[in-house]
Amino acid sequence: MHWLYLLLAFAAVLFALKTTSSGLMVLCMLAALALLLLWLAGLYAARMAGRSRDPSAMIDPAELRRLREQAEARKAAAGNPDPPAP
């Protein structure tokens, strides 16, 4: 969808170059600038959405506590208990 803004901005610039009215040219250039900014915002949003992590893959505190207890139990079973840290 954000690529449509770039296409419309390009069309607005072409229309501004072809028109003979200076007021219409200024209006088209402002519209092209606004459409270009919308395209950049859409491009940024699309890239950031691709980098976000899946919330279902995050570990909740109870699961994290259970994993720590399992790791401590494995250490104790291996015969290398570490003294508890103060």
PDB file of N, CA and C in Angstrom:
ATOM      1  N   MET A   1       0.821  -1.191   0.000  1.00  0.00           N
ATOM      2  CA  MET A   1       0.000   0.000   0.000  1.00  0.00           C
ATOM      3  C   MET A   1       0.864   1.253   0.000  1.00  0.00           C
ATOM      4  N   HIS A   2       1.975   1.222   0.737  1.00  0.00           N
ATOM      5  CA  HIS A   2       2.787   2.434   0.815  1.00  0.00           C
ATOM      6  C   HIS A   2       3.467   2.751  -0.514  1.00  0.00           C
ATOM      7  N   TRP A   3       3.595   1.763  -1.404  1.00  0.00           N
ATOM      8  CA  TRP A   3       4.189   2.032  -2.720  1.00  0.00           C
ATOM      9  C   TRP A   3       3.258   2.871  -3.589  1.00  0.00           C
ATOM     10  N   LEU A   4       1.983   2.811  -3.299  1.00  0.00           N
ATOM     11  CA  LEU A   4       1.017   3.630  -4.027  1.00  0.00           C
ATOM     12  C   LEU A   4       1.270   5.114  -3.758  1.00  0.00           C
ATOM     13  N   TYR A   5       1.682   5.450  -2.532  1.00  0.00           N
ATOM     14  CA  TYR A   5       2.004   6.841  -2.214  1.00  0.00           C
ATOM     15  C   TYR A   5       3.169   7.347  -3.055  1.00  0.00           C
ATOM     16  N   LEU A   6       4.159   6.498  -3.273  1.00  0.00           N
ATOM     17  CA  LEU A   6       5.302   6.907  -4.097  1.00  0.00           C
ATOM     18  C   LEU A   6       4.868   7.141  -5.537  1.00  0.00           C
ATOM     19  N   LEU A   7       4.020   6.279  -6.048  1.00  0.00           N
ATOM     20  CA  LEU A   7       3.522   6.436  -7.412  1.00  0.00           C
ATOM     21  C   LEU A   7       2.700   7.716  -7.547  1.00  0.00           C
ATOM     22  N   LEU A   8       1.865   7.998  -6.577  1.00  0.00           N
ATOM     23  CA  LEU A   8       1.067   9.227  -6.612  1.00  0.00           C
ATOM     24  C   LEU A   8       1.935  10.470  -6.466  1.00  0.00           C
ATOM     25  N   ALA A   9       2.988  10.391  -5.656  1.00  0.00           N
ATOM     26  CA  ALA A   9       3.909  11.527  -5.523  1.00  0.00           C
ATOM     27  C   ALA A   9       4.621  11.798  -6.843  1.00  0.00           C
ATOM     28  N   PHE A  10       5.012  10.740  -7.525  1.00  0.00           N
ATOM     29  CA  PHE A  10       5.666  10.892  -8.831  1.00  0.00           C
ATOM     30  C   PHE A  10       4.698  11.517  -9.835  1.00  0.00           C
ATOM     31  N   ALA A  11       3.437  11.082  -9.807  1.00  0.00           N
ATOM     32  CA  ALA A  11       2.436  11.649 -10.708  1.00  0.00           C
ATOM     33  C   ALA A  11       2.186  13.122 -10.388  1.00  0.00           C
ATOM     34  N   ALA A  12       2.193  13.485  -9.118  1.00  0.00           N
ATOM     35  CA  ALA A  12       1.984  14.886  -8.736  1.00  0.00           C
ATOM     36  C   ALA A  12       3.141  15.757  -9.213  1.00  0.00           C
ATOM     37  N   VAL A  13       4.346  15.238  -9.149  1.00  0.00           N
ATOM     38  CA  VAL A  13       5.499  16.005  -9.641  1.00  0.00           C
ATOM     39  C   VAL A  13       5.404  16.174 -11.156  1.00  0.00           C
ATOM     40  N   LEU A  14       5.040  15.119 -11.850  1.00  0.00           N
ATOM     41  CA  LEU A  14       4.891  15.233 -13.310  1.00  0.00           C
ATOM     42  C   LEU A  14       3.795  16.229 -13.681  1.00  0.00           C
ATOM     43  N   PHE A  15       2.686  16.198 -12.941  1.00  0.00           N
ATOM     44  CA  PHE A  15       1.606  17.150 -13.210  1.00  0.00           C
ATOM     45  C   PHE A  15       2.059  18.574 -12.921  1.00  0.00           C
ATOM     46  N   ALA A  16       2.862  18.748 -11.860  1.00  0.00           N
ATOM     47  CA  ALA A  16       3.358  20.086 -11.522  1.00  0.00           C
ATOM     48  C   ALA A  16       4.295  20.608 -12.613  1.00  0.00           C
ATOM     49  N   LEU A  17       5.051  19.733 -13.232  1.00  0.00           N
ATOM     50  CA  LEU A  17       5.956  20.161 -14.297  1.00  0.00           C
ATOM     51  C   LEU A  17       5.203  20.507 -15.576  1.00  0.00           C
ATOM     52  N   LYS A  18       4.075  19.890 -15.802  1.00  0.00           N
ATOM     53  CA  LYS A  18       3.319  20.109 -17.038  1.00  0.00           C
ATOM     54  C   LYS A  18       2.340  21.282 -16.961  1.00  0.00           C
ATOM     55  N   THR A  19       1.950  21.696 -15.760  1.00  0.00           N
ATOM     56  CA  THR A  19       0.943  22.744 -15.633  1.00  0.00           C
ATOM     57  C   THR A  19       1.534  24.121 -15.930  1.00  0.00           C
ATOM     58  N   THR A  20       0.649  25.027 -16.346  1.00  0.00           N
ATOM     59  CA  THR A  20       1.087  26.401 -16.628  1.00  0.00           C
ATOM     60  C   THR A  20       0.748  27.345 -15.486  1.00  0.00           C
ATOM     61  N   SER A  21      -0.083  26.898 -14.545  1.00  0.00           N
ATOM     62  CA  SER A  21      -0.498  27.725 -13.423  1.00  0.00           C
ATOM     63  C   SER A  21       0.498  27.568 -12.274  1.00  0.00           C
ATOM     64  N   SER A  22       1.003  28.689 -11.778  1.00  0.00           N
ATOM     65  CA  SER A  22       1.985  28.611 -10.691  1.00  0.00           C
ATOM     66  C   SER A  22       1.330  28.165  -9.374  1.00  0.00           C
ATOM     67  N   GLY A  23       0.100  28.567  -9.145  1.00  0.00           N
ATOM     68  CA  GLY A  23      -0.592  28.154  -7.924  1.00  0.00           C
ATOM     69  C   GLY A  23      -0.847  26.650  -7.906  1.00  0.00           C
ATOM     70  N   LEU A  24      -1.248  26.120  -9.053  1.00  0.00           N
ATOM     71  CA  LEU A  24      -1.479  24.680  -9.167  1.00  0.00           C
ATOM     72  C   LEU A  24      -0.162  23.913  -9.040  1.00  0.00           C
ATOM     73  N   MET A  25       0.910  24.518  -9.553  1.00  0.00           N
ATOM     74  CA  MET A  25       2.224  23.873  -9.441  1.00  0.00           C
ATOM     75  C   MET A  25       2.640  23.777  -7.968  1.00  0.00           C
ATOM     76  N   VAL A  26       2.456  24.835  -7.211  1.00  0.00           N
ATOM     77  CA  VAL A  26       2.813  24.830  -5.793  1.00  0.00           C
ATOM     78  C   VAL A  26       1.963  23.808  -5.040  1.00  0.00           C
ATOM     79  N   LEU A  27       0.680  23.757  -5.352  1.00  0.00           N
ATOM     80  CA  LEU A  27      -0.210  22.795  -4.714  1.00  0.00           C
ATOM     81  C   LEU A  27       0.214  21.359  -5.022  1.00  0.00           C
ATOM     82  N   CYS A  28       0.578  21.095  -6.256  1.00  0.00           N
ATOM     83  CA  CYS A  28       1.019  19.750  -6.648  1.00  0.00           C
ATOM     84  C   CYS A  28       2.345  19.383  -5.992  1.00  0.00           C
ATOM     85  N   MET A  29       3.241  20.331  -5.862  1.00  0.00           N
ATOM     86  CA  MET A  29       4.523  20.043  -5.222  1.00  0.00           C
ATOM     87  C   MET A  29       4.339  19.770  -3.728  1.00  0.00           C
ATOM     88  N   LEU A  30       3.430  20.507  -3.083  1.00  0.00           N
ATOM     89  CA  LEU A  30       3.136  20.235  -1.676  1.00  0.00           C
ATOM     90  C   LEU A  30       2.474  18.871  -1.502  1.00  0.00           C
ATOM     91  N   ALA A  31       1.591  18.531  -2.435  1.00  0.00           N
ATOM     92  CA  ALA A  31       0.958  17.209  -2.392  1.00  0.00           C
ATOM     93  C   ALA A  31       2.009  16.124  -2.607  1.00  0.00           C
ATOM     94  N   ALA A  32       2.949  16.350  -3.508  1.00  0.00           N
ATOM     95  CA  ALA A  32       4.009  15.378  -3.757  1.00  0.00           C
ATOM     96  C   ALA A  32       4.884  15.209  -2.516  1.00  0.00           C
ATOM     97  N   LEU A  33       5.167  16.295  -1.838  1.00  0.00           N
ATOM     98  CA  LEU A  33       5.961  16.218  -0.609  1.00  0.00           C
ATOM     99  C   LEU A  33       5.225  15.432   0.475  1.00  0.00           C
ATOM    100  N   ALA A  34       3.927  15.713   0.626  1.00  0.00           N
ATOM    101  CA  ALA A  34       3.135  14.994   1.625  1.00  0.00           C
ATOM    102  C   ALA A  34       3.057  13.506   1.280  1.00  0.00           C
ATOM    103  N   LEU A  35       2.864  13.183   0.025  1.00  0.00           N
ATOM    104  CA  LEU A  35       2.798  11.777  -0.394  1.00  0.00           C
ATOM    105  C   LEU A  35       4.140  11.085  -0.217  1.00  0.00           C
ATOM    106  N   LEU A  36       5.212  11.800  -0.453  1.00  0.00           N
ATOM    107  CA  LEU A  36       6.537  11.217  -0.244  1.00  0.00           C
ATOM    108  C   LEU A  36       6.777  10.924   1.231  1.00  0.00           C
ATOM    109  N   LEU A  37       6.351  11.826   2.098  1.00  0.00           N
ATOM    110  CA  LEU A  37       6.485  11.578   3.538  1.00  0.00           C
ATOM    111  C   LEU A  37       5.614  10.410   3.992  1.00  0.00           C
ATOM    112  N   LEU A  38       4.412  10.283   3.424  1.00  0.00           N
ATOM    113  CA  LEU A  38       3.554   9.134   3.741  1.00  0.00           C
ATOM    114  C   LEU A  38       4.198   7.828   3.272  1.00  0.00           C
ATOM    115  N   TRP A  39       4.856   7.870   2.115  1.00  0.00           N
ATOM    116  CA  TRP A  39       5.541   6.679   1.610  1.00  0.00           C
ATOM    117  C   TRP A  39       6.683   6.281   2.545  1.00  0.00           C
ATOM    118  N   LEU A  40       7.456   7.255   2.989  1.00  0.00           N
ATOM    119  CA  LEU A  40       8.554   6.954   3.905  1.00  0.00           C
ATOM    120  C   LEU A  40       8.043   6.396   5.231  1.00  0.00           C
ATOM    121  N   ALA A  41       6.953   6.957   5.749  1.00  0.00           N
ATOM    122  CA  ALA A  41       6.386   6.460   7.001  1.00  0.00           C
ATOM    123  C   ALA A  41       5.875   5.029   6.826  1.00  0.00           C
ATOM    124  N   GLY A  42       5.249   4.745   5.703  1.00  0.00           N
ATOM    125  CA  GLY A  42       4.773   3.391   5.435  1.00  0.00           C
ATOM    126  C   GLY A  42       5.911   2.412   5.265  1.00  0.00           C
ATOM    127  N   LEU A  43       6.969   2.835   4.605  1.00  0.00           N
ATOM    128  CA  LEU A  43       8.141   1.979   4.420  1.00  0.00           C
ATOM    129  C   LEU A  43       8.795   1.672   5.761  1.00  0.00           C
ATOM    130  N   TYR A  44       8.910   2.677   6.611  1.00  0.00           N
ATOM    131  CA  TYR A  44       9.481   2.482   7.941  1.00  0.00           C
ATOM    132  C   TYR A  44       8.623   1.533   8.776  1.00  0.00           C
ATOM    133  N   ALA A  45       7.316   1.725   8.727  1.00  0.00           N
ATOM    134  CA  ALA A  45       6.408   0.865   9.494  1.00  0.00           C
ATOM    135  C   ALA A  45       6.486  -0.578   9.007  1.00  0.00           C
ATOM    136  N   ALA A  46       6.599  -0.767   7.708  1.00  0.00           N
ATOM    137  CA  ALA A  46       6.684  -2.123   7.168  1.00  0.00           C
ATOM    138  C   ALA A  46       7.992  -2.803   7.582  1.00  0.00           C
ATOM    139  N   ARG A  47       9.063  -2.051   7.602  1.00  0.00           N
ATOM    140  CA  ARG A  47      10.352  -2.639   8.010  1.00  0.00           C
ATOM    141  C   ARG A  47      10.394  -2.955   9.496  1.00  0.00           C
ATOM    142  N   MET A  48       9.809  -2.084  10.308  1.00  0.00           N
ATOM    143  CA  MET A  48       9.804  -2.342  11.744  1.00  0.00           C
ATOM    144  C   MET A  48       8.857  -3.490  12.098  1.00  0.00           C
ATOM    145  N   ALA A  49       7.793  -3.650  11.356  1.00  0.00           N
ATOM    146  CA  ALA A  49       6.874  -4.758  11.608  1.00  0.00           C
ATOM    147  C   ALA A  49       7.543  -6.089  11.293  1.00  0.00           C
ATOM    148  N   GLY A  50       8.448  -6.088  10.326  1.00  0.00           N
ATOM    149  CA  GLY A  50       9.159  -7.312   9.982  1.00  0.00           C
ATOM    150  C   GLY A  50      10.197  -7.699  11.016  1.00  0.00           C
ATOM    151  N   ARG A  51      10.635  -6.754  11.812  1.00  0.00           N
ATOM    152  CA  ARG A  51      11.671  -7.042  12.811  1.00  0.00           C
ATOM    153  C   ARG A  51      11.123  -7.355  14.190  1.00  0.00           C
ATOM    154  N   SER A  52       9.818  -7.201  14.369  1.00  0.00           N
ATOM    155  CA  SER A  52       9.265  -7.428  15.698  1.00  0.00           C
ATOM    156  C   SER A  52       9.260  -8.917  16.016  1.00  0.00           C
ATOM    157  N   ARG A  53       9.428  -9.223  17.303  1.00  0.00           N
ATOM    158  CA  ARG A  53       9.455 -10.616  17.737  1.00  0.00           C
ATOM    159  C   ARG A  53       8.043 -11.117  17.963  1.00  0.00           C
ATOM    160  N   ASP A  54       7.909 -12.419  17.860  1.00  0.00           N
ATOM    161  CA  ASP A  54       6.620 -13.053  18.099  1.00  0.00           C
ATOM    162  C   ASP A  54       6.354 -13.063  19.598  1.00  0.00           C
ATOM    163  N   PRO A  55       5.265 -12.463  20.061  1.00  0.00           N
ATOM    164  CA  PRO A  55       5.014 -12.416  21.507  1.00  0.00           C
ATOM    165  C   PRO A  55       4.784 -13.802  22.110  1.00  0.00           C
ATOM    166  N   SER A  56       4.370 -14.755  21.313  1.00  0.00           N
ATOM    167  CA  SER A  56       4.147 -16.090  21.865  1.00  0.00           C
ATOM    168  C   SER A  56       5.466 -16.800  22.156  1.00  0.00           C
ATOM    169  N   ALA A  57       6.569 -16.308  21.602  1.00  0.00           N
ATOM    170  CA  ALA A  57       7.869 -16.919  21.848  1.00  0.00           C
ATOM    171  C   ALA A  57       8.530 -16.400  23.125  1.00  0.00           C
ATOM    172  N   MET A  58       7.969 -15.371  23.738  1.00  0.00           N
ATOM    173  CA  MET A  58       8.539 -14.808  24.954  1.00  0.00           C
ATOM    174  C   MET A  58       8.241 -15.703  26.153  1.00  0.00           C
ATOM    175  N   ILE A  59       9.157 -15.725  27.100  1.00  0.00           N
ATOM    176  CA  ILE A  59       9.023 -16.581  28.273  1.00  0.00           C
ATOM    177  C   ILE A  59       8.408 -15.767  29.400  1.00  0.00           C
ATOM    178  N   ASP A  60       7.374 -16.308  30.011  1.00  0.00           N
ATOM    179  CA  ASP A  60       6.764 -15.618  31.140  1.00  0.00           C
ATOM    180  C   ASP A  60       7.593 -15.886  32.404  1.00  0.00           C
ATOM    181  N   PRO A  61       7.421 -15.098  33.465  1.00  0.00           N
ATOM    182  CA  PRO A  61       8.245 -15.244  34.674  1.00  0.00           C
ATOM    183  C   PRO A  61       8.152 -16.628  35.319  1.00  0.00           C
ATOM    184  N   ALA A  62       6.984 -17.253  35.301  1.00  0.00           N
ATOM    185  CA  ALA A  62       6.847 -18.577  35.911  1.00  0.00           C
ATOM    186  C   ALA A  62       7.675 -19.614  35.143  1.00  0.00           C
ATOM    187  N   GLU A  63       7.654 -19.526  33.824  1.00  0.00           N
ATOM    188  CA  GLU A  63       8.445 -20.455  33.013  1.00  0.00           C
ATOM    189  C   GLU A  63       9.939 -20.208  33.223  1.00  0.00           C
ATOM    190  N   LEU A  64      10.334 -18.955  33.319  1.00  0.00           N
ATOM    191  CA  LEU A  64      11.732 -18.625  33.557  1.00  0.00           C
ATOM    192  C   LEU A  64      12.193 -19.162  34.907  1.00  0.00           C
ATOM    193  N   ARG A  65      11.374 -19.040  35.942  1.00  0.00           N
ATOM    194  CA  ARG A  65      11.706 -19.576  37.258  1.00  0.00           C
ATOM    195  C   ARG A  65      11.854 -21.101  37.190  1.00  0.00           C
ATOM    196  N   ARG A  66      10.949 -21.775  36.468  1.00  0.00           N
ATOM    197  CA  ARG A  66      11.016 -23.225  36.333  1.00  0.00           C
ATOM    198  C   ARG A  66      12.297 -23.658  35.614  1.00  0.00           C
ATOM    199  N   LEU A  67      12.691 -22.914  34.580  1.00  0.00           N
ATOM    200  CA  LEU A  67      13.922 -23.239  33.866  1.00  0.00           C
ATOM    201  C   LEU A  67      15.156 -23.041  34.756  1.00  0.00           C
ATOM    202  N   ARG A  68      15.141 -21.999  35.591  1.00  0.00           N
ATOM    203  CA  ARG A  68      16.263 -21.777  36.514  1.00  0.00           C
ATOM    204  C   ARG A  68      16.359 -22.902  37.535  1.00  0.00           C
ATOM    205  N   GLU A  69      15.203 -23.327  38.044  1.00  0.00           N
ATOM    206  CA  GLU A  69      15.210 -24.433  39.008  1.00  0.00           C
ATOM    207  C   GLU A  69      15.724 -25.715  38.369  1.00  0.00           C
ATOM    208  N   GLN A  70      15.376 -25.960  37.124  1.00  0.00           N
ATOM    209  CA  GLN A  70      15.884 -27.145  36.427  1.00  0.00           C
ATOM    210  C   GLN A  70      17.392 -27.063  36.247  1.00  0.00           C
ATOM    211  N   ALA A  71      17.896 -25.876  35.903  1.00  0.00           N
ATOM    212  CA  ALA A  71      19.340 -25.721  35.725  1.00  0.00           C
ATOM    213  C   ALA A  71      20.073 -25.923  37.045  1.00  0.00           C
ATOM    214  N   GLU A  72      19.517 -25.400  38.140  1.00  0.00           N
ATOM    215  CA  GLU A  72      20.144 -25.604  39.454  1.00  0.00           C
ATOM    216  C   GLU A  72      20.114 -27.073  39.852  1.00  0.00           C
ATOM    217  N   ALA A  73      19.035 -27.770  39.522  1.00  0.00           N
ATOM    218  CA  ALA A  73      18.937 -29.198  39.837  1.00  0.00           C
ATOM    219  C   ALA A  73      19.959 -29.994  39.033  1.00  0.00           C
ATOM    220  N   ARG A  74      20.177 -29.603  37.793  1.00  0.00           N
ATOM    221  CA  ARG A  74      21.196 -30.293  36.978  1.00  0.00           C
ATOM    222  C   ARG A  74      22.596 -30.065  37.530  1.00  0.00           C
ATOM    223  N   LYS A  75      22.866 -28.846  37.986  1.00  0.00           N
ATOM    224  CA  LYS A  75      24.174 -28.556  38.582  1.00  0.00           C
ATOM    225  C   LYS A  75      24.381 -29.366  39.853  1.00  0.00           C
ATOM    226  N   ALA A  76      23.352 -29.446  40.668  1.00  0.00           N
ATOM    227  CA  ALA A  76      23.463 -30.201  41.929  1.00  0.00           C
ATOM    228  C   ALA A  76      23.633 -31.687  41.642  1.00  0.00           C
ATOM    229  N   ALA A  77      22.980 -32.201  40.615  1.00  0.00           N
ATOM    230  CA  ALA A  77      23.086 -33.609  40.255  1.00  0.00           C
ATOM    231  C   ALA A  77      24.463 -33.924  39.681  1.00  0.00           C
ATOM    232  N   ALA A  78      25.098 -32.946  39.081  1.00  0.00           N
ATOM    233  CA  ALA A  78      26.420 -33.154  38.503  1.00  0.00           C
ATOM    234  C   ALA A  78      27.499 -33.161  39.589  1.00  0.00           C
ATOM    235  N   GLY A  79      27.169 -32.757  40.786  1.00  0.00           N
ATOM    236  CA  GLY A  79      28.138 -32.768  41.879  1.00  0.00           C
ATOM    237  C   GLY A  79      28.945 -31.504  41.990  1.00  0.00           C
ATOM    238  N   ASN A  80      28.528 -30.480  41.338  1.00  0.00           N
ATOM    239  CA  ASN A  80      29.249 -29.197  41.380  1.00  0.00           C
ATOM    240  C   ASN A  80      28.323 -28.099  41.911  1.00  0.00           C
ATOM    241  N   PRO A  81      27.833 -28.234  43.129  1.00  0.00           N
ATOM    242  CA  PRO A  81      26.935 -27.178  43.626  1.00  0.00           C
ATOM    243  C   PRO A  81      27.721 -25.898  43.892  1.00  0.00           C
ATOM    244  N   ASP A  82      27.230 -24.830  43.368  1.00  0.00           N
ATOM    245  CA  ASP A  82      27.832 -23.513  43.602  1.00  0.00           C
ATOM    246  C   ASP A  82      27.268 -22.962  44.905  1.00  0.00           C
ATOM    247  N   PRO A  83      28.082 -22.281  45.698  1.00  0.00           N
ATOM    248  CA  PRO A  83      27.540 -21.665  46.918  1.00  0.00           C
ATOM    249  C   PRO A  83      26.560 -20.553  46.504  1.00  0.00           C
ATOM    250  N   PRO A  84      25.473 -20.409  47.255  1.00  0.00           N
ATOM    251  CA  PRO A  84      24.504 -19.363  46.900  1.00  0.00           C
ATOM    252  C   PRO A  84      25.127 -17.980  47.038  1.00  0.00           C
ATOM    253  N   ALA A  85      24.782 -17.154  46.095  1.00  0.00           N
ATOM    254  CA  ALA A  85      25.315 -15.782  46.105  1.00  0.00           C
ATOM    255  C   ALA A  85      24.519 -14.943  47.084  1.00  0.00           C
ATOM    256  N   PRO A  86      25.216 -14.068  47.821  1.00  0.00           N
ATOM    257  CA  PRO A  86      24.505 -13.212  48.803  1.00  0.00           C
ATOM    258  C   PRO A  86      23.704 -12.148  48.149  1.00  0.00           C
TER     259      PRO A  86
END
